[in-house]
Amino acid sequence: MIIGKIGKNEKKIKFHLDITCMTCKKTVPGGMQASENYFGSDSFKIEIDNFKKNYLCGICRDKKRLADKQ
């Protein structure tokens, strides 16, 4: 998954996050990418914190989506 915007000629940094689903607490692999300029900035840190707080695994996300449709 890509965090932030990566320009056409910008270098990418690949990193790993320990991510858990907020509903079922399942650990999910977290291979991420960000641009070299964005990585480590204040807005990057805020976005990562929000991502971790609101993350749902695929199964829980599908359950929520189906429940919202009904």
Protein backbone atom coordinates (compact mmCIF):
# COMPACT_ATOMS: atom_id res chain seq x y z
CA MET A 1 0.00 0.00 0.00
CA ILE A 2 1.21 3.51 -0.78
CA ILE A 3 0.98 6.23 1.85
CA GLY A 4 0.87 9.81 0.54
CA LYS A 5 1.64 10.78 -3.04
CA ILE A 6 4.68 9.62 -4.97
CA GLY A 7 5.78 11.74 -7.91
CA LYS A 8 6.91 10.26 -11.21
CA ASN A 9 10.65 10.62 -10.54
CA GLU A 10 10.64 10.44 -6.73
CA LYS A 11 12.43 7.66 -4.89
CA LYS A 12 10.25 5.21 -2.94
CA ILE A 13 10.96 3.93 0.54
CA LYS A 14 9.55 0.53 1.46
CA PHE A 15 8.82 -0.15 5.13
CA HIS A 16 6.87 -2.57 7.29
CA LEU A 17 4.20 -1.71 9.87
CA ASP A 18 2.77 -3.97 12.56
CA ILE A 19 -0.94 -3.62 11.83
CA THR A 20 -3.85 -5.23 13.70
CA CYS A 21 -7.51 -5.18 12.79
CA MET A 22 -9.51 -2.95 15.12
CA THR A 23 -12.45 -5.38 15.22
CA CYS A 24 -11.05 -8.91 15.39
CA LYS A 25 -7.46 -8.04 16.50
CA LYS A 26 -5.96 -10.19 13.72
CA THR A 27 -2.38 -9.28 12.77
CA VAL A 28 -2.07 -8.26 9.13
CA PRO A 29 1.10 -7.99 7.00
CA GLY A 30 1.93 -4.33 6.55
CA GLY A 31 4.22 -3.79 3.58
CA MET A 32 3.99 -0.06 2.81
CA GLN A 33 5.62 2.50 0.50
CA ALA A 34 6.09 6.26 0.73
CA SER A 35 8.11 8.86 -1.11
CA GLU A 36 11.51 9.72 0.28
CA ASN A 37 10.44 13.34 0.94
CA TYR A 38 7.18 12.39 2.70
CA PHE A 39 8.64 9.59 4.87
CA GLY A 40 9.27 10.83 8.41
CA SER A 41 7.41 14.15 8.03
CA ASP A 42 4.83 15.28 10.59
CA SER A 43 1.93 14.70 8.19
CA PHE A 44 3.28 11.20 7.47
CA LYS A 45 3.29 10.36 11.19
CA ILE A 46 -0.28 11.65 11.59
CA GLU A 47 -1.48 9.64 8.60
CA ILE A 48 0.16 6.43 9.90
CA ASP A 49 -1.40 6.92 13.37
CA ASN A 50 -4.87 7.41 11.84
CA PHE A 51 -4.36 4.41 9.57
CA LYS A 52 -3.48 2.16 12.51
CA LYS A 53 -6.45 3.42 14.58
CA ASN A 54 -9.01 2.79 11.83
CA TYR A 55 -7.65 -0.31 10.05
CA LEU A 56 -10.02 -3.20 9.31
CA CYS A 57 -8.90 -6.50 7.79
CA GLY A 58 -10.59 -7.62 4.57
CA ILE A 59 -13.09 -9.88 6.34
CA CYS A 60 -14.23 -7.22 8.83
CA ARG A 61 -14.31 -4.57 6.10
CA ASP A 62 -16.60 -6.77 3.97
CA LYS A 63 -18.88 -7.46 6.96
CA LYS A 64 -19.16 -3.73 7.67
CA ARG A 65 -19.84 -2.92 4.01
CA LEU A 66 -22.60 -5.54 3.79
CA ALA A 67 -24.16 -4.36 7.05
CA ASP A 68 -24.17 -0.74 5.80
CA LYS A 69 -26.02 -1.73 2.62
CA GLN A 70 -28.91 -3.33 4.51
